[in-house]
Protein backbone atom coordinates (compact mmCIF):
# COMPACT_ATOMS: atom_id res chain seq x y z
CA MET A 1 -35.92 -11.65 2.02
CA THR A 2 -34.00 -10.07 -0.33
CA ARG A 3 -33.70 -6.45 0.21
CA THR A 4 -34.45 -3.96 -2.59
CA THR A 5 -32.70 -0.79 -1.21
CA ARG A 6 -29.05 -0.79 -0.73
CA ASP A 7 -26.47 1.76 0.61
CA ILE A 8 -23.39 1.91 -2.05
CA LEU A 9 -20.31 3.93 -1.21
CA ILE A 10 -18.72 5.50 -4.24
CA VAL A 11 -15.33 6.46 -3.71
CA GLU A 12 -13.95 8.23 -7.18
CA ASP A 13 -12.21 11.71 -7.61
CA ASN A 14 -13.53 12.07 -11.09
CA PRO A 15 -17.04 14.07 -10.67
CA ASP A 16 -18.40 12.92 -14.01
CA ILE A 17 -17.74 8.98 -13.03
CA ALA A 18 -18.77 9.63 -9.93
CA ARG A 19 -22.22 11.13 -10.76
CA LEU A 20 -22.88 8.63 -13.65
CA ILE A 21 -22.24 5.47 -11.33
CA GLN A 22 -24.65 7.53 -8.59
CA LEU A 23 -27.20 8.23 -11.42
CA HIS A 24 -27.42 4.31 -12.29
CA CYS A 25 -27.41 3.29 -8.66
CA LYS A 26 -30.46 5.48 -8.18
CA ASP A 27 -32.20 3.71 -11.20
CA LEU A 28 -31.40 0.58 -9.49
CA ASN A 29 -33.24 1.91 -6.61
CA TYR A 30 -30.09 1.75 -4.46
CA ALA A 31 -28.81 4.47 -1.97
CA SER A 32 -25.53 6.11 -2.70
CA THR A 33 -23.16 8.23 -1.06
CA VAL A 34 -19.69 9.66 -2.72
CA ALA A 35 -16.45 10.14 -1.41
CA THR A 36 -13.89 11.95 -3.53
CA ASP A 37 -10.68 10.94 -1.77
CA GLY A 38 -9.68 8.35 0.31
CA LYS A 39 -9.19 10.08 3.58
CA GLN A 40 -13.02 10.88 3.22
CA ALA A 41 -13.91 7.15 2.28
CA ILE A 42 -11.88 6.02 5.37
CA ASP A 43 -13.86 8.68 7.60
CA LEU A 44 -17.30 7.11 6.02
CA ILE A 45 -16.54 3.70 6.47
CA ASP A 46 -15.71 4.15 10.01
CA ARG A 47 -19.09 5.80 10.91
CA HIS A 48 -21.55 3.83 8.38
CA VAL A 49 -21.63 0.22 7.15
CA TYR A 50 -22.24 -0.14 3.53
CA ASP A 51 -23.83 -3.12 1.24
CA LEU A 52 -21.20 -2.52 -1.27
CA ILE A 53 -18.08 -0.01 -2.15
CA ILE A 54 -17.29 0.84 -5.69
CA LEU A 55 -13.66 2.39 -4.84
CA ASP A 56 -11.14 3.73 -7.46
CA LEU A 57 -7.59 2.61 -7.17
CA MET A 58 -6.01 6.16 -8.01
CA LEU A 59 -7.24 8.49 -5.45
CA PRO A 60 -6.07 12.03 -3.64
CA GLU A 61 -4.95 11.82 0.27
CA VAL A 62 -5.00 7.81 0.65
CA ASP A 63 -4.85 5.58 -2.31
CA GLY A 64 -7.53 2.99 -2.89
CA LEU A 65 -5.31 -0.06 -1.87
CA SER A 66 -4.84 1.48 1.74
CA VAL A 67 -8.84 2.24 1.81
CA CYS A 68 -9.25 -1.37 0.98
CA ARG A 69 -6.81 -2.67 3.47
CA HIS A 70 -8.33 -0.17 6.18
CA LEU A 71 -11.68 -1.79 5.34
CA ARG A 72 -10.53 -5.32 5.55
CA SER A 73 -9.30 -4.74 9.27
CA GLN A 74 -12.48 -4.34 10.33
CA ALA A 75 -14.99 -7.25 11.30
CA HIS A 76 -17.61 -6.41 9.05
CA TYR A 77 -17.31 -7.81 5.66
CA THR A 78 -18.30 -5.24 2.80
CA PRO A 79 -17.63 -6.24 -0.90
CA VAL A 80 -15.69 -4.01 -2.98
CA ILE A 81 -15.61 -3.59 -6.54
CA MET A 82 -12.20 -1.90 -7.69
CA LEU A 83 -12.30 0.86 -10.36
CA THR A 84 -8.76 1.63 -11.77
CA SER A 85 -7.60 2.96 -15.28
CA LYS A 86 -4.40 0.47 -14.72
CA SER A 87 -4.94 -2.81 -16.65
CA THR A 88 -1.92 -5.11 -15.85
CA GLU A 89 -1.96 -8.40 -14.13
CA LEU A 90 0.14 -7.18 -11.27
CA ASP A 91 -2.28 -4.56 -10.71
CA ARG A 92 -5.35 -6.64 -10.71
CA VAL A 93 -3.75 -9.16 -8.57
CA LEU A 94 -2.62 -6.89 -6.12
CA GLY A 95 -6.24 -5.28 -5.79
CA LEU A 96 -7.62 -8.68 -5.15
CA GLU A 97 -4.76 -9.75 -2.84
CA MET A 98 -6.12 -6.51 -0.47
CA GLY A 99 -9.39 -7.66 -0.54
CA ALA A 100 -11.14 -6.55 -3.32
CA ASP A 101 -14.15 -8.81 -4.44
CA ASP A 102 -14.24 -7.71 -8.24
CA TYR A 103 -12.16 -5.48 -10.44
CA VAL A 104 -13.22 -3.34 -13.66
CA THR A 105 -10.77 -1.47 -15.51
CA LYS A 106 -11.45 2.06 -17.02
CA PRO A 107 -12.86 2.75 -19.36
CA PHE A 108 -15.64 0.68 -18.89
CA SER A 109 -19.28 0.04 -19.94
CA ILE A 110 -22.19 0.93 -17.52
CA PRO A 111 -23.91 -2.25 -18.21
CA GLU A 112 -21.13 -4.36 -17.21
CA LEU A 113 -20.59 -2.39 -14.15
CA VAL A 114 -24.33 -2.68 -13.59
CA ALA A 115 -24.01 -6.25 -13.90
CA ARG A 116 -21.17 -6.58 -11.67
CA ILE A 117 -22.89 -4.61 -8.75
CA LYS A 118 -25.87 -6.78 -9.03
CA ALA A 119 -23.76 -10.03 -8.73
CA GLN A 120 -21.97 -8.75 -5.77
CA LEU A 121 -25.19 -7.71 -4.00
CA ARG A 122 -26.86 -11.04 -4.82
CA ARG A 123 -23.65 -12.86 -3.45
CA SER A 124 -23.72 -10.85 -0.22
CA GLU A 125 -27.44 -11.64 0.37
CA ALA A 126 -26.65 -15.49 -0.26
CA ASP A 127 -23.95 -15.24 2.48
CA ILE A 128 -26.14 -13.31 5.13
CA ASN A 129 -28.99 -16.09 4.47
CA ALA A 130 -26.47 -18.71 4.52
CA SER A 131 -25.12 -17.73 8.10
CA ALA A 132 -28.28 -18.74 9.70
CA SER A 133 -27.98 -22.22 8.69
CA GLU A 134 -24.18 -22.49 9.45
CA GLN A 135 -22.68 -25.17 11.75
CA PRO A 136 -21.91 -22.88 14.69
CA ARG A 137 -18.61 -24.71 15.30
CA LEU A 138 -16.38 -26.87 13.34
CA GLU A 139 -13.40 -28.65 14.50
CA CYS A 140 -10.68 -30.78 12.95
CA ASP A 141 -7.96 -32.17 15.54
CA ASP A 142 -6.19 -28.82 17.08
CA LEU A 143 -8.15 -26.51 14.58
CA ARG A 144 -11.67 -25.10 15.69
CA VAL A 145 -13.90 -22.57 14.21
CA ASP A 146 -16.50 -20.53 15.78
CA THR A 147 -18.64 -19.51 12.64
CA ASP A 148 -20.90 -17.13 14.77
CA LYS A 149 -18.04 -15.16 15.87
CA ARG A 150 -15.76 -16.00 12.77
CA GLN A 151 -13.15 -16.80 15.09
CA VAL A 152 -10.51 -19.44 14.49
CA TYR A 153 -8.39 -21.48 17.19
CA VAL A 154 -5.11 -23.69 16.87
CA ASN A 155 -4.78 -25.46 20.19
CA ASP A 156 -7.06 -22.97 21.64
CA LYS A 157 -5.26 -20.16 20.61
CA GLU A 158 -7.06 -17.59 18.64
CA VAL A 159 -5.10 -17.02 15.13
CA VAL A 160 -6.48 -13.71 13.22
CA LEU A 161 -7.73 -14.21 9.89
CA THR A 162 -8.67 -11.88 7.32
CA ALA A 163 -12.57 -12.23 6.05
CA ARG A 164 -11.49 -13.92 2.78
CA GLU A 165 -9.26 -16.28 4.56
CA PHE A 166 -11.90 -17.20 6.94
CA ASP A 167 -14.30 -17.82 4.05
CA LEU A 168 -11.38 -19.96 2.36
CA LEU A 169 -11.13 -21.97 5.82
CA TYR A 170 -14.75 -22.31 6.07
CA HIS A 171 -15.43 -23.66 2.57
CA PHE A 172 -12.63 -26.34 3.02
CA MET A 173 -13.82 -27.52 6.32
CA THR A 174 -17.36 -27.91 5.14
CA HIS A 175 -16.42 -29.84 2.28
CA PRO A 176 -13.60 -32.12 3.65
CA GLY A 177 -11.65 -34.63 1.41
CA HIS A 178 -13.36 -32.57 -1.85
CA VAL A 179 -10.73 -31.49 -4.29
CA PHE A 180 -11.31 -27.97 -5.72
CA SER A 181 -9.33 -26.44 -8.60
CA ARG A 182 -8.13 -22.71 -8.47
CA ASN A 183 -10.72 -21.81 -10.33
CA GLN A 184 -13.70 -23.41 -8.58
CA LEU A 185 -12.27 -21.98 -5.45
CA LEU A 186 -12.42 -18.15 -7.40
CA GLU A 187 -15.84 -19.00 -7.95
CA GLN A 188 -16.96 -20.18 -4.99
CA VAL A 189 -15.15 -18.29 -2.45
CA TRP A 190 -14.61 -15.13 -4.09
CA GLY A 191 -17.86 -14.91 -6.25
CA TYR A 192 -16.06 -14.78 -9.69
CA GLY A 193 -13.92 -17.07 -11.84
CA TYR A 194 -11.49 -15.36 -14.24
CA ASP A 195 -8.77 -16.29 -16.01
CA GLY A 196 -5.45 -15.22 -14.75
CA TYR A 197 -6.63 -14.63 -11.19
CA GLU A 198 -5.19 -18.15 -9.99
CA HIS A 199 -2.40 -16.66 -8.36
CA THR A 200 -4.33 -14.88 -5.78
CA VAL A 201 -5.59 -18.21 -4.74
CA ASN A 202 -2.41 -19.61 -3.93
CA SER A 203 -1.43 -16.55 -2.13
CA HIS A 204 -4.30 -16.94 0.15
CA ILE A 205 -3.62 -20.51 0.24
CA ASN A 206 0.04 -19.59 1.73
CA ARG A 207 -1.00 -17.11 4.08
CA LEU A 208 -3.70 -19.13 5.54
CA ARG A 209 -1.09 -22.14 6.20
CA ALA A 210 1.15 -19.96 7.71
CA LYS A 211 -1.38 -19.26 9.99
CA ILE A 212 -3.10 -22.59 10.94
CA GLU A 213 -0.52 -25.10 10.01
CA HIS A 214 2.16 -26.10 12.73
CA ASP A 215 4.63 -26.30 9.90
CA PRO A 216 3.36 -24.64 6.86
CA ALA A 217 6.09 -26.57 4.51
CA LYS A 218 4.52 -29.79 5.64
CA PRO A 219 0.79 -28.76 5.67
CA ARG A 220 -1.65 -31.14 7.51
CA TYR A 221 -4.99 -29.62 7.02
CA ILE A 222 -4.81 -27.81 3.43
CA LEU A 223 -3.08 -30.14 1.04
CA THR A 224 -1.95 -29.58 -2.58
CA VAL A 225 -3.28 -32.16 -4.98
CA TRP A 226 -0.68 -31.73 -7.99
CA GLY A 227 -2.06 -31.00 -11.41
CA ILE A 228 -5.64 -30.04 -9.68
CA GLY A 229 -5.75 -27.94 -6.94
CA TYR A 230 -6.47 -28.22 -2.94
CA ARG A 231 -8.23 -30.41 -0.60
CA PHE A 232 -8.88 -30.05 2.89
CA CYS A 233 -7.58 -33.53 4.83
CA GLU A 234 -10.01 -35.44 6.64
CA HIS A 235 -7.71 -36.94 9.04
CA PRO A 236 -4.78 -34.52 9.41
CA ASP A 237 -2.73 -37.31 11.53
CA ASN A 238 -2.60 -39.51 8.45
CA ALA A 239 -2.12 -36.70 5.93
CA ALA A 240 0.59 -36.98 3.33
CA HIS A 241 2.75 -33.67 3.78
CA THR A 242 2.72 -32.17 0.42
CA VAL A 243 2.96 -28.52 -0.72
């Protein structure tokens, strides 16, 4: 059952923007807490599990990227919408690669932000509901995934993945042989599909290969399909070593 009351952390040092976001969260029947700097945000994150974090990039004490990195070091996955006055492609990609789920550039429209908040919470609820029906264990050759504990093993040795890397691997392993474009992976794993963000898929694929492949330069599991995207090899021993 979908919950109507959610708990949102707003990390924003501009009091007018923070109050405006908080007001609209209240209109949506969401509880919210405001942190005015990165150090306070980390303290709150360590003491409480939130349903969503709205995170400004430029913060006093500790910047937003460091807050996001700290959040992603924890076992529990919390969606993050990053707010920033910066708008370059590099800033967007950097924020997404640090673990943000969405990115809104200031000045932003409140209806747009509200729509993205709802979208992230819907996706989070869908993930929770889907976890009950997940296969508890996935295996392919010497690669093993424990979906309940979100742990991954190669040759019975655990490898540590970020939450997004785990989601990406799980998506591949539950769709063996299926070819996905970068935009499809953005939509189905990240939950959005925006032009210009394909680079973050490539970066995650490279990091995931470095952790699970015996030789990342000659991958056996996650294969490149030239001109299209990527697929998970059903029979890694017979894989063509493409990168």
